[in-house]
C-alpha atoms as a PDB file:
ATOM      1  CA  MET A   1      12.176  86.892  51.860  1.00  0.00           C
ATOM      2  CA  GLU A   2       8.622  86.592  50.318  1.00  0.00           C
ATOM      3  CA  VAL A   3       8.130  83.869  47.599  1.00  0.00           C
ATOM      4  CA  LYS A   4       5.765  84.920  44.757  1.00  0.00           C
ATOM      5  CA  LEU A   5       3.342  82.329  44.151  1.00  0.00           C
ATOM      6  CA  GLU A   6       2.780  85.012  40.075  1.00  0.00           C
ATOM      7  CA  SER A   7       4.941  84.109  36.355  1.00  0.00           C
ATOM      8  CA  GLU A   8       4.104  85.167  33.996  1.00  0.00           C
ATOM      9  CA  ILE A   9       5.074  82.124  31.229  1.00  0.00           C
ATOM     10  CA  THR A  10       6.190  83.391  27.643  1.00  0.00           C
ATOM     11  CA  CYS A  11       6.011  80.721  24.595  1.00  0.00           C
ATOM     12  CA  PRO A  12       9.375  80.235  23.205  1.00  0.00           C
ATOM     13  CA  ILE A  13       8.008  79.090  19.915  1.00  0.00           C
ATOM     14  CA  CYS A  14       4.913  81.817  19.593  1.00  0.00           C
ATOM     15  CA  GLY A  15       6.316  84.918  22.472  1.00  0.00           C
ATOM     16  CA  HIS A  16       2.920  84.584  23.045  1.00  0.00           C
ATOM     17  CA  LYS A  17       2.787  86.125  27.239  1.00  0.00           C
ATOM     18  CA  LYS A  18       0.313  84.560  30.439  1.00  0.00           C
ATOM     19  CA  VAL A  19       0.295  85.167  33.832  1.00  0.00           C
ATOM     20  CA  GLU A  20      -0.138  82.083  36.183  1.00  0.00           C
ATOM     21  CA  GLU A  21      -0.292  81.260  39.201  1.00  0.00           C
ATOM     22  CA  MET A  22       2.421  78.496  40.012  1.00  0.00           C
ATOM     23  CA  PRO A  23       1.470  76.170  42.881  1.00  0.00           C
ATOM     24  CA  THR A  24       2.579  75.591  46.227  1.00  0.00           C
ATOM     25  CA  ASN A  25       2.353  71.655  46.673  1.00  0.00           C
ATOM     26  CA  ALA A  26       4.133  70.417  43.016  1.00  0.00           C
ATOM     27  CA  CYS A  27       6.587  71.494  40.675  1.00  0.00           C
ATOM     28  CA  GLN A  28       4.356  72.188  37.212  1.00  0.00           C
ATOM     29  CA  PHE A  29       6.165  69.690  34.439  1.00  0.00           C
ATOM     30  CA  PHE A  30       3.965  70.608  31.874  1.00  0.00           C
ATOM     31  CA  TYR A  31       2.061  73.423  30.223  1.00  0.00           C
ATOM     32  CA  GLU A  32       0.329  73.878  27.136  1.00  0.00           C
ATOM     33  CA  CYS A  33       0.319  77.845  25.513  1.00  0.00           C
ATOM     34  CA  GLU A  34      -3.273  78.567  24.850  1.00  0.00           C
ATOM     35  CA  ASN A  35      -1.913  80.470  21.534  1.00  0.00           C
ATOM     36  CA  CYS A  36      -0.648  77.945  20.058  1.00  0.00           C
ATOM     37  CA  LYS A  37      -1.399  74.972  21.388  1.00  0.00           C
ATOM     38  CA  THR A  38       2.577  74.256  22.180  1.00  0.00           C
ATOM     39  CA  VAL A  39       3.259  71.838  25.051  1.00  0.00           C
ATOM     40  CA  LEU A  40       6.172  73.300  27.015  1.00  0.00           C
ATOM     41  CA  LYS A  41       8.286  71.256  29.245  1.00  0.00           C
ATOM     42  CA  PRO A  42      11.373  71.692  31.238  1.00  0.00           C
ATOM     43  CA  LYS A  43      14.255  72.838  29.609  1.00  0.00           C
ATOM     44  CA  ASP A  44      18.159  70.603  30.801  1.00  0.00           C
ATOM     45  CA  GLY A  45      18.895  71.095  34.271  1.00  0.00           C
ATOM     46  CA  ASP A  46      15.549  73.499  34.895  1.00  0.00           C
ATOM     47  CA  CYS A  47      12.332  71.874  37.384  1.00  0.00           C
ATOM     48  CA  CYS A  48       9.503  72.971  35.504  1.00  0.00           C
ATOM     49  CA  VAL A  49       7.975  75.473  33.328  1.00  0.00           C
ATOM     50  CA  TYR A  50       8.326  78.106  35.768  1.00  0.00           C
ATOM     51  CA  CYS A  51      11.815  78.350  35.657  1.00  0.00           C
ATOM     52  CA  SER A  52      12.077  78.113  32.161  1.00  0.00           C
ATOM     53  CA  TYR A  53      10.344  79.714  30.585  1.00  0.00           C
ATOM     54  CA  GLY A  54       8.625  82.143  33.426  1.00  0.00           C
ATOM     55  CA  THR A  55       8.871  85.446  34.436  1.00  0.00           C
ATOM     56  CA  VAL A  56       9.786  83.915  38.536  1.00  0.00           C
ATOM     57  CA  PRO A  57      11.478  81.243  38.993  1.00  0.00           C
ATOM     58  CA  CYS A  58       8.937  78.367  41.538  1.00  0.00           C
ATOM     59  CA  PRO A  59       8.355  78.473  44.897  1.00  0.00           C
ATOM     60  CA  PRO A  60      10.604  76.031  45.929  1.00  0.00           C
ATOM     61  CA  ILE A  61      13.856  77.415  44.517  1.00  0.00           C
ATOM     62  CA  GLN A  62      13.089  80.587  45.650  1.00  0.00           C
ATOM     63  CA  GLN A  63      13.503  79.477  49.346  1.00  0.00           C
ATOM     64  CA  SER A  64      16.613  77.452  47.706  1.00  0.00           C
ATOM     65  CA  LYS A  65      15.053  73.967  48.306  1.00  0.00           C
ATOM     66  CA  SER A  66      15.837  71.018  46.556  1.00  0.00           C
ATOM     67  CA  CYS A  67      12.061  71.356  43.742  1.00  0.00           C
ATOM     68  CA  CYS A  68      10.348  68.255  42.999  1.00  0.00           C
END
């Protein structure tokens, strides 16, 4: 399976969307929406903001590995 490195994050507060490149060597726990400046954190049970708010889960989850 090919690992996708881009994910579109959608802010749950203002609905702003942006395609971001995911890191392959670390989880991203915080993400600041460039529109409303809200700092997003992972939802309970998710390892990173991409798993919670992105269109594609983080690379470790795509590879069925445990995340950070």
